Each structure stands twice: as structure tokens, then as C-alpha cells.
Amino acid sequence: MYVRVAEHLAARIESGDLRPGQKLPPERELATEYGVAYHTIRKAMQILRDRHMIASVHGRGTFVLPRDEWNAGDGE
């Protein structure tokens, strides 16, 4: 399930629904939105971090990275 969530979030990023520099909703909020457990979101977010599509900043949140930093082939 976490791979599906990661792919859906990646598609939102790729489509521009979530833009570079934009802060993502908190993981607990995403868990509610997707109807999955919190740990499912955490694993999905790790895939996106591994692809360099997002980055977490301690105390500030998780942000979408610019497209030129992405590595879409990694993380699975």
C-alpha cells in the first residue's frame, strides 16, 4: 500500500499539484487523507526522499524539491 501512496504523491508532484518549495501537509494529515496508517505514510515519504523529490527540514516540515534534483528511478 505504501508504494501506491508514494506513486500517488509523486504524480501530484509531477503534475504540479504540489509545487517545488511547497510544504507538504503533516504526515498524520496525509494518513487521514489517504485512509491509511501513519507508518504507511512514513514509508511512502521515504520512497520520495530516496528519489530526492522531497526533503524534510527538522522543525519546519517536508518540502517538494525542484525537478532538477529528482532521481525518479530510485527508491523502490
C-alpha atoms as a PDB file:
ATOM      1  CA  MET A   1       0.000   0.000   0.000  1.00  0.00           C
ATOM      2  CA  TYR A   2       2.816   2.439   0.791  1.00  0.00           C
ATOM      3  CA  VAL A   3       4.138   2.140  -2.780  1.00  0.00           C
ATOM      4  CA  ARG A   4       0.718   3.153  -4.122  1.00  0.00           C
ATOM      5  CA  VAL A   5       0.607   6.147  -1.794  1.00  0.00           C
ATOM      6  CA  ALA A   6       4.144   7.114  -2.851  1.00  0.00           C
ATOM      7  CA  GLU A   7       3.192   6.847  -6.525  1.00  0.00           C
ATOM      8  CA  HIS A   8       0.089   8.973  -5.989  1.00  0.00           C
ATOM      9  CA  LEU A   9       2.077  11.657  -4.160  1.00  0.00           C
ATOM     10  CA  ALA A  10       4.789  11.510  -6.856  1.00  0.00           C
ATOM     11  CA  ALA A  11       2.109  12.004  -9.515  1.00  0.00           C
ATOM     12  CA  ARG A  12       0.785  15.042  -7.620  1.00  0.00           C
ATOM     13  CA  ILE A  13       4.308  16.468  -7.514  1.00  0.00           C
ATOM     14  CA  GLU A  14       4.979  15.709 -11.197  1.00  0.00           C
ATOM     15  CA  SER A  15       1.684  17.274 -12.272  1.00  0.00           C
ATOM     16  CA  GLY A  16       2.409  20.486 -10.385  1.00  0.00           C
ATOM     17  CA  ASP A  17      -0.419  19.974  -7.882  1.00  0.00           C
ATOM     18  CA  LEU A  18       2.380  20.051  -5.292  1.00  0.00           C
ATOM     19  CA  ARG A  19       4.966  22.602  -6.433  1.00  0.00           C
ATOM     20  CA  PRO A  20       8.707  22.918  -5.714  1.00  0.00           C
ATOM     21  CA  GLY A  21       9.216  24.674  -2.403  1.00  0.00           C
ATOM     22  CA  GLN A  22       5.705  23.844  -1.252  1.00  0.00           C
ATOM     23  CA  LYS A  23       5.324  22.399   2.228  1.00  0.00           C
ATOM     24  CA  LEU A  24       3.514  19.068   2.337  1.00  0.00           C
ATOM     25  CA  PRO A  25       0.722  18.501   4.834  1.00  0.00           C
ATOM     26  CA  PRO A  26       1.802  16.791   8.066  1.00  0.00           C
ATOM     27  CA  GLU A  27       2.160  13.000   7.818  1.00  0.00           C
ATOM     28  CA  ARG A  28      -0.803  12.399  10.159  1.00  0.00           C
ATOM     29  CA  GLU A  29      -2.981  14.597   7.955  1.00  0.00           C
ATOM     30  CA  LEU A  30      -1.859  12.666   4.858  1.00  0.00           C
ATOM     31  CA  ALA A  31      -2.652   9.393   6.648  1.00  0.00           C
ATOM     32  CA  THR A  32      -6.207  10.608   7.206  1.00  0.00           C
ATOM     33  CA  GLU A  33      -6.496  11.902   3.633  1.00  0.00           C
ATOM     34  CA  TYR A  34      -5.368   8.566   2.162  1.00  0.00           C
ATOM     35  CA  GLY A  35      -7.180   6.431   4.740  1.00  0.00           C
ATOM     36  CA  VAL A  36      -4.015   4.570   5.718  1.00  0.00           C
ATOM     37  CA  ALA A  37      -1.942   4.075   8.850  1.00  0.00           C
ATOM     38  CA  TYR A  38       0.661   6.650   9.829  1.00  0.00           C
ATOM     39  CA  HIS A  39       3.513   4.195   9.240  1.00  0.00           C
ATOM     40  CA  THR A  40       2.281   3.686   5.653  1.00  0.00           C
ATOM     41  CA  ILE A  41       2.716   7.412   5.008  1.00  0.00           C
ATOM     42  CA  ARG A  42       6.158   7.377   6.633  1.00  0.00           C
ATOM     43  CA  LYS A  43       7.290   4.553   4.317  1.00  0.00           C
ATOM     44  CA  ALA A  44       5.799   6.315   1.271  1.00  0.00           C
ATOM     45  CA  MET A  45       7.579   9.531   2.201  1.00  0.00           C
ATOM     46  CA  GLN A  46      10.859   7.636   2.477  1.00  0.00           C
ATOM     47  CA  ILE A  47      10.476   6.487  -1.132  1.00  0.00           C
ATOM     48  CA  LEU A  48      10.020  10.119  -2.202  1.00  0.00           C
ATOM     49  CA  ARG A  49      13.024  11.191  -0.108  1.00  0.00           C
ATOM     50  CA  ASP A  50      15.111   8.453  -1.739  1.00  0.00           C
ATOM     51  CA  ARG A  51      14.045   9.817  -5.141  1.00  0.00           C
ATOM     52  CA  HIS A  52      15.036  13.320  -3.988  1.00  0.00           C
ATOM     53  CA  MET A  53      11.514  14.575  -4.725  1.00  0.00           C
ATOM     54  CA  ILE A  54      11.021  15.819  -1.158  1.00  0.00           C
ATOM     55  CA  ALA A  55      13.204  16.822   1.774  1.00  0.00           C
ATOM     56  CA  SER A  56      12.399  17.150   5.455  1.00  0.00           C
ATOM     57  CA  VAL A  57      13.680  20.095   7.459  1.00  0.00           C
ATOM     58  CA  HIS A  58      13.699  19.425  11.197  1.00  0.00           C
ATOM     59  CA  GLY A  59      11.170  21.627  12.942  1.00  0.00           C
ATOM     60  CA  ARG A  60       9.811  23.088   9.691  1.00  0.00           C
ATOM     61  CA  GLY A  61       8.245  20.233   7.737  1.00  0.00           C
ATOM     62  CA  THR A  62       8.636  18.389   4.454  1.00  0.00           C
ATOM     63  CA  PHE A  63       9.034  20.283   1.190  1.00  0.00           C
ATOM     64  CA  VAL A  64       8.900  19.463  -2.519  1.00  0.00           C
ATOM     65  CA  LEU A  65      12.307  19.736  -4.175  1.00  0.00           C
ATOM     66  CA  PRO A  66      12.939  21.245  -7.627  1.00  0.00           C
ATOM     67  CA  ARG A  67      12.553  18.833 -10.543  1.00  0.00           C
ATOM     68  CA  ASP A  68      16.258  19.034 -11.431  1.00  0.00           C
ATOM     69  CA  GLU A  69      17.085  17.367  -8.086  1.00  0.00           C
ATOM     70  CA  TRP A  70      14.800  14.369  -8.623  1.00  0.00           C
ATOM     71  CA  ASN A  71      16.051  10.856  -9.202  1.00  0.00           C
ATOM     72  CA  ALA A  72      12.836   9.105 -10.234  1.00  0.00           C
ATOM     73  CA  GLY A  73      14.450   5.709 -10.778  1.00  0.00           C
ATOM     74  CA  ASP A  74      15.497   5.233  -7.160  1.00  0.00           C
ATOM     75  CA  GLY A  75      13.584   4.387  -4.036  1.00  0.00           C
ATOM     76  CA  GLU A  76      11.730   1.193  -4.816  1.00  0.00           C
END
